[in-house]
Amino acid sequence: MSHSKKSDIAYLAIRRAIIEQALTPGTKLPEDRLGAEFKVSRTLIRAALARLASEGLVDVGNKRTATVAQPSLDEARAVFEVRRCLENEVVRLVISRWTPAMGAALEGHVREEELAAKAGQATASIRLAGEFHIKLAQMTGNPLLERYLSDVATRCSLILAVYGRPHSSDCAINEHRHLIDALRKKDTDRAVHLMTDHLVGIESRALISSIVQSDADLSSILARYAEAVEPPKAGTPLKAPTKALNTKRRTGTSI
């Protein structure tokens, strides 16, 4: 495998571990340990951490060791303000481009959310809830809007890891279903209203609370996530990794 591929795997594995809240805010990410874990140079690890820092997921700054970012309440409020603006425009654009295939794709994704919730896969539920919104942004046909929405959605995952309180994923799933119904009927006012209420509900769950640190070893976490994002070798059957990626920390806050 090429060095660039290994660097991509490092980036994707760390990113997914942060989004699924396996790596908690404030967790140190030493370059030498990461390099050894992913079998790449510190230079390539530094590049992967820089990509994550540009997304607001990692704090490098003037620190000797990078850490998983820990956003302030002011930063959290700013992110949610931007997200509400972006998501309302996403709703309008999706309705203007609506096709039956879009509804089928969104309903298929919600079924994945439902299966993860029923299986008790809390970390997968968190990730899938965010991916629902990114999938909506993809349907706008505007790659820049998709990029910005993906950025703020991942930052919301981090914010909820710091401030969020446990919340049943059933609410998010039902809200997603109601939104699909409004999109299918091309009811723009109702869809925007539902999206706004959904996001306000998410923001209201971002309450000040103590950060629950993961008791899992950094290497064991990264090894699992590297396996999850690494492309399978030829002839190797695909497997669902989400069950193995559950953690014992506070979970259940959907985005």
Protein backbone atom coordinates (compact mmCIF):
# COMPACT_ATOMS: atom_id res chain seq x y z
CA MET A 1 0.00 0.00 0.00
CA SER A 2 1.33 3.46 -0.91
CA HIS A 3 2.25 6.03 1.73
CA SER A 4 -0.52 8.36 0.53
CA LYS A 5 -3.11 5.58 0.96
CA LYS A 6 -1.85 4.91 4.49
CA SER A 7 -2.05 8.62 5.24
CA ASP A 8 -5.66 8.68 3.98
CA ILE A 9 -6.51 5.71 6.20
CA ALA A 10 -4.99 7.50 9.20
CA TYR A 11 -7.04 10.61 8.45
CA LEU A 12 -10.29 8.68 7.91
CA ALA A 13 -9.82 6.44 10.94
CA ILE A 14 -9.08 9.31 13.34
CA ARG A 15 -11.91 11.37 11.85
CA ARG A 16 -14.47 8.60 12.25
CA ALA A 17 -13.28 7.81 15.79
CA ILE A 18 -13.85 11.48 16.72
CA ILE A 19 -17.26 11.68 15.04
CA GLU A 20 -18.42 8.49 16.77
CA GLN A 21 -17.06 9.90 20.06
CA ALA A 22 -14.63 7.05 20.65
CA LEU A 23 -11.84 9.65 20.86
CA THR A 24 -13.14 12.24 23.30
CA PRO A 25 -12.35 15.99 23.30
CA GLY A 26 -8.97 16.69 24.86
CA THR A 27 -7.52 13.28 23.94
CA LYS A 28 -3.84 13.65 23.03
CA LEU A 29 -2.79 12.52 19.55
CA PRO A 30 1.01 12.13 19.68
CA GLU A 31 2.57 11.97 16.21
CA ASP A 32 5.03 9.20 17.09
CA ARG A 33 2.31 6.88 18.40
CA LEU A 34 0.05 7.61 15.44
CA GLY A 35 2.90 7.06 13.01
CA ALA A 36 3.66 3.69 14.59
CA GLU A 37 0.00 2.71 14.61
CA PHE A 38 -0.54 3.49 10.93
CA LYS A 39 3.00 2.65 9.81
CA VAL A 40 3.67 6.03 8.22
CA SER A 41 6.13 8.83 8.86
CA ARG A 42 5.45 11.65 11.30
CA THR A 43 5.36 13.99 8.30
CA LEU A 44 2.35 12.15 6.84
CA ILE A 45 0.67 11.99 10.25
CA ARG A 46 1.22 15.72 10.61
CA ALA A 47 -0.51 16.22 7.26
CA ALA A 48 -3.47 14.07 8.37
CA LEU A 49 -3.76 16.06 11.61
CA ALA A 50 -3.64 19.32 9.62
CA ARG A 51 -6.61 18.11 7.53
CA LEU A 52 -8.53 17.32 10.69
CA ALA A 53 -7.58 20.70 12.19
CA SER A 54 -8.94 22.46 9.08
CA GLU A 55 -12.28 20.74 9.79
CA GLY A 56 -12.22 21.89 13.42
CA LEU A 57 -11.88 18.35 14.77
CA VAL A 58 -8.29 18.56 16.02
CA ASP A 59 -6.48 21.34 17.85
CA VAL A 60 -2.83 21.76 16.92
CA GLY A 61 -2.13 25.46 17.55
CA ASN A 62 1.12 26.00 19.42
CA LYS A 63 0.83 22.76 21.33
CA ARG A 64 3.61 20.22 21.17
CA THR A 65 1.02 17.45 20.92
CA ALA A 66 -2.22 17.68 18.94
CA THR A 67 -5.46 16.97 20.77
CA VAL A 68 -9.05 16.25 19.84
CA ALA A 69 -10.64 19.71 19.73
CA GLN A 70 -12.75 20.96 22.62
CA PRO A 71 -14.99 23.75 21.29
CA SER A 72 -16.15 26.56 23.56
CA LEU A 73 -19.81 27.42 24.03
CA ASP A 74 -19.37 30.53 21.86
CA GLU A 75 -17.90 28.38 19.06
CA ALA A 76 -20.74 25.90 19.49
CA ARG A 77 -23.39 28.61 19.13
CA ALA A 78 -21.66 29.98 16.02
CA VAL A 79 -21.57 26.53 14.42
CA PHE A 80 -25.28 25.95 15.04
CA GLU A 81 -26.16 29.39 13.66
CA VAL A 82 -24.32 28.61 10.42
CA ARG A 83 -25.80 25.12 10.25
CA ARG A 84 -29.38 26.41 10.47
CA CYS A 85 -28.76 28.76 7.55
CA LEU A 86 -27.15 26.07 5.41
CA GLU A 87 -29.70 23.35 6.15
CA ASN A 88 -32.68 25.57 5.29
CA GLU A 89 -31.12 26.33 1.91
CA VAL A 90 -30.41 22.61 1.45
CA VAL A 91 -34.11 21.87 1.96
CA ARG A 92 -35.16 24.45 -0.65
CA LEU A 93 -32.67 23.21 -3.24
CA VAL A 94 -33.50 19.53 -2.68
CA ILE A 95 -37.21 20.24 -3.21
CA SER A 96 -36.42 22.08 -6.45
CA ARG A 97 -34.52 19.01 -7.72
CA TRP A 98 -36.71 16.33 -6.13
CA THR A 99 -37.06 12.90 -7.74
CA PRO A 100 -38.60 9.67 -6.41
CA ALA A 101 -35.11 8.16 -6.29
CA MET A 102 -34.10 10.74 -3.70
CA GLY A 103 -36.93 9.64 -1.44
CA ALA A 104 -35.94 5.98 -1.79
CA ALA A 105 -32.30 6.79 -0.97
CA LEU A 106 -33.22 8.81 2.12
CA GLU A 107 -35.66 6.17 3.36
CA GLY A 108 -32.97 3.52 2.90
CA HIS A 109 -30.62 5.59 5.04
CA VAL A 110 -33.24 6.04 7.76
CA ARG A 111 -33.70 2.27 7.83
CA GLU A 112 -29.98 1.96 8.53
CA GLU A 113 -30.41 4.41 11.41
CA GLU A 114 -33.29 2.33 12.72
CA LEU A 115 -31.35 -0.94 12.53
CA ALA A 116 -28.39 0.60 14.36
CA ALA A 117 -30.69 1.93 17.09
CA LYS A 118 -32.46 -1.41 17.53
CA ALA A 119 -29.09 -3.19 17.74
CA GLY A 120 -27.95 -0.80 20.45
CA GLN A 121 -25.12 0.52 18.26
CA ALA A 122 -25.11 4.01 19.73
CA THR A 123 -21.91 5.21 18.05
CA ALA A 124 -23.15 4.10 14.63
CA SER A 125 -26.47 5.88 15.29
CA ILE A 126 -24.61 9.14 15.95
CA ARG A 127 -22.63 8.83 12.72
CA LEU A 128 -25.63 7.82 10.60
CA ALA A 129 -27.75 10.69 11.94
CA GLY A 130 -25.12 13.15 10.73
CA GLU A 131 -24.71 11.37 7.41
CA PHE A 132 -28.44 11.80 6.73
CA HIS A 133 -27.90 15.56 6.57
CA ILE A 134 -24.77 15.21 4.44
CA LYS A 135 -26.72 12.99 2.04
CA LEU A 136 -29.35 15.71 1.76
CA ALA A 137 -26.63 18.25 0.94
CA GLN A 138 -25.28 15.96 -1.79
CA MET A 139 -28.73 15.98 -3.38
CA THR A 140 -28.58 19.76 -3.90
CA GLY A 141 -26.05 19.26 -6.69
CA ASN A 142 -23.93 22.03 -5.15
CA PRO A 143 -20.51 20.63 -4.14
CA LEU A 144 -19.56 23.76 -2.20
CA LEU A 145 -22.73 23.62 -0.12
CA GLU A 146 -22.13 19.92 0.47
CA ARG A 147 -18.59 20.66 1.67
CA TYR A 148 -19.69 23.39 4.07
CA LEU A 149 -22.59 21.34 5.44
CA SER A 150 -20.33 18.32 5.96
CA ASP A 151 -17.92 20.55 7.87
CA VAL A 152 -20.51 21.96 10.27
CA ALA A 153 -22.23 18.58 10.75
CA THR A 154 -18.97 16.96 11.85
CA ARG A 155 -18.28 19.89 14.17
CA CYS A 156 -21.73 19.38 15.69
CA SER A 157 -20.76 15.79 16.49
CA LEU A 158 -17.76 17.13 18.39
CA ILE A 159 -19.85 19.78 20.17
CA LEU A 160 -22.34 17.16 21.33
CA ALA A 161 -19.47 14.99 22.57
CA VAL A 162 -18.54 17.88 24.87
CA TYR A 163 -21.89 19.35 25.85
CA GLY A 164 -24.62 16.98 24.75
CA ARG A 165 -26.85 15.03 27.06
CA PRO A 166 -28.04 11.48 26.29
CA HIS A 167 -31.03 11.42 23.96
CA SER A 168 -33.03 8.68 22.33
CA SER A 169 -32.15 8.18 18.67
CA ASP A 170 -35.84 7.36 18.04
CA CYS A 171 -36.63 11.09 18.06
CA ALA A 172 -34.06 11.86 15.35
CA ILE A 173 -35.29 8.95 13.24
CA ASN A 174 -38.93 10.09 13.45
CA GLU A 175 -37.92 13.67 12.65
CA HIS A 176 -36.01 12.47 9.59
CA ARG A 177 -39.07 10.52 8.42
CA HIS A 178 -41.35 13.56 8.80
CA LEU A 179 -38.84 15.64 6.85
CA ILE A 180 -38.77 13.10 3.99
CA ASP A 181 -42.57 13.24 3.85
CA ALA A 182 -42.51 17.06 3.51
CA LEU A 183 -39.79 16.87 0.84
CA ARG A 184 -41.76 14.31 -1.14
CA LYS A 185 -44.83 16.55 -1.05
CA LYS A 186 -42.63 19.52 -2.04
CA ASP A 187 -44.01 21.44 0.91
CA THR A 188 -41.16 23.92 1.30
CA ASP A 189 -42.60 25.84 4.26
CA ARG A 190 -43.26 22.68 6.25
CA ALA A 191 -39.89 21.16 5.36
CA VAL A 192 -38.01 24.29 6.44
CA HIS A 193 -40.07 24.42 9.65
CA LEU A 194 -39.33 20.76 10.40
CA MET A 195 -35.63 21.19 9.71
CA THR A 196 -35.44 24.28 11.92
CA ASP A 197 -37.24 22.53 14.78
CA HIS A 198 -34.98 19.50 14.35
CA LEU A 199 -31.82 21.62 14.58
CA VAL A 200 -33.13 23.70 17.49
CA GLY A 201 -33.81 20.43 19.30
CA ILE A 202 -30.27 19.26 18.67
CA GLU A 203 -28.85 22.56 19.90
CA SER A 204 -31.02 22.49 23.02
CA ARG A 205 -29.43 19.17 23.96
CA ALA A 206 -25.97 20.75 23.90
CA LEU A 207 -25.85 21.50 27.62
CA ILE A 208 -22.81 22.12 29.78
CA SER A 209 -21.72 18.84 31.31
CA SER A 210 -18.55 17.15 32.40
CA ILE A 211 -16.55 15.51 29.64
CA VAL A 212 -16.60 11.75 29.95
CA GLN A 213 -13.17 10.49 29.01
CA SER A 214 -12.93 7.19 27.19
CA ASP A 215 -11.15 4.49 29.18
CA ALA A 216 -10.11 2.67 26.01
CA ASP A 217 -6.49 2.59 24.89
CA LEU A 218 -5.62 4.93 22.00
CA SER A 219 -3.97 2.15 19.99
CA SER A 220 -6.94 -0.23 20.34
CA ILE A 221 -9.36 2.50 19.23
CA LEU A 222 -7.30 3.46 16.19
CA ALA A 223 -6.71 -0.18 15.20
CA ARG A 224 -10.48 -0.80 15.07
CA TYR A 225 -11.19 2.33 13.08
CA ALA A 226 -8.30 1.73 10.68
CA GLU A 227 -9.81 -1.68 9.92
CA ALA A 228 -13.21 -0.07 9.39
CA VAL A 229 -12.01 2.46 6.80
CA GLU A 230 -9.31 0.42 5.04
CA PRO A 231 -10.43 -0.93 1.65
CA PRO A 232 -10.84 -4.73 1.75
CA LYS A 233 -8.26 -6.84 -0.02
CA ALA A 234 -9.26 -8.63 -3.20
CA GLY A 235 -11.33 -11.71 -2.41
CA THR A 236 -12.09 -10.60 1.15
CA PRO A 237 -15.81 -10.45 1.97
CA LEU A 238 -17.14 -7.13 3.27
CA LYS A 239 -18.14 -7.00 6.91
CA ALA A 240 -20.07 -4.53 9.01
CA PRO A 241 -17.70 -2.94 11.51
CA THR A 242 -20.13 -0.84 13.51
CA LYS A 243 -20.86 -3.34 16.26
CA ALA A 244 -17.20 -3.69 17.13
CA LEU A 245 -16.81 0.07 17.32
CA ASN A 246 -19.20 0.64 20.21
CA THR A 247 -17.69 2.23 23.30
CA LYS A 248 -18.71 2.28 26.94
CA ARG A 249 -18.74 6.07 27.22
CA ARG A 250 -21.85 8.29 27.31
CA THR A 251 -23.65 7.96 23.98
CA GLY A 252 -27.09 8.33 22.50
CA THR A 253 -27.04 11.96 21.41
CA SER A 254 -28.12 12.07 17.79
CA ILE A 255 -27.35 14.83 15.33
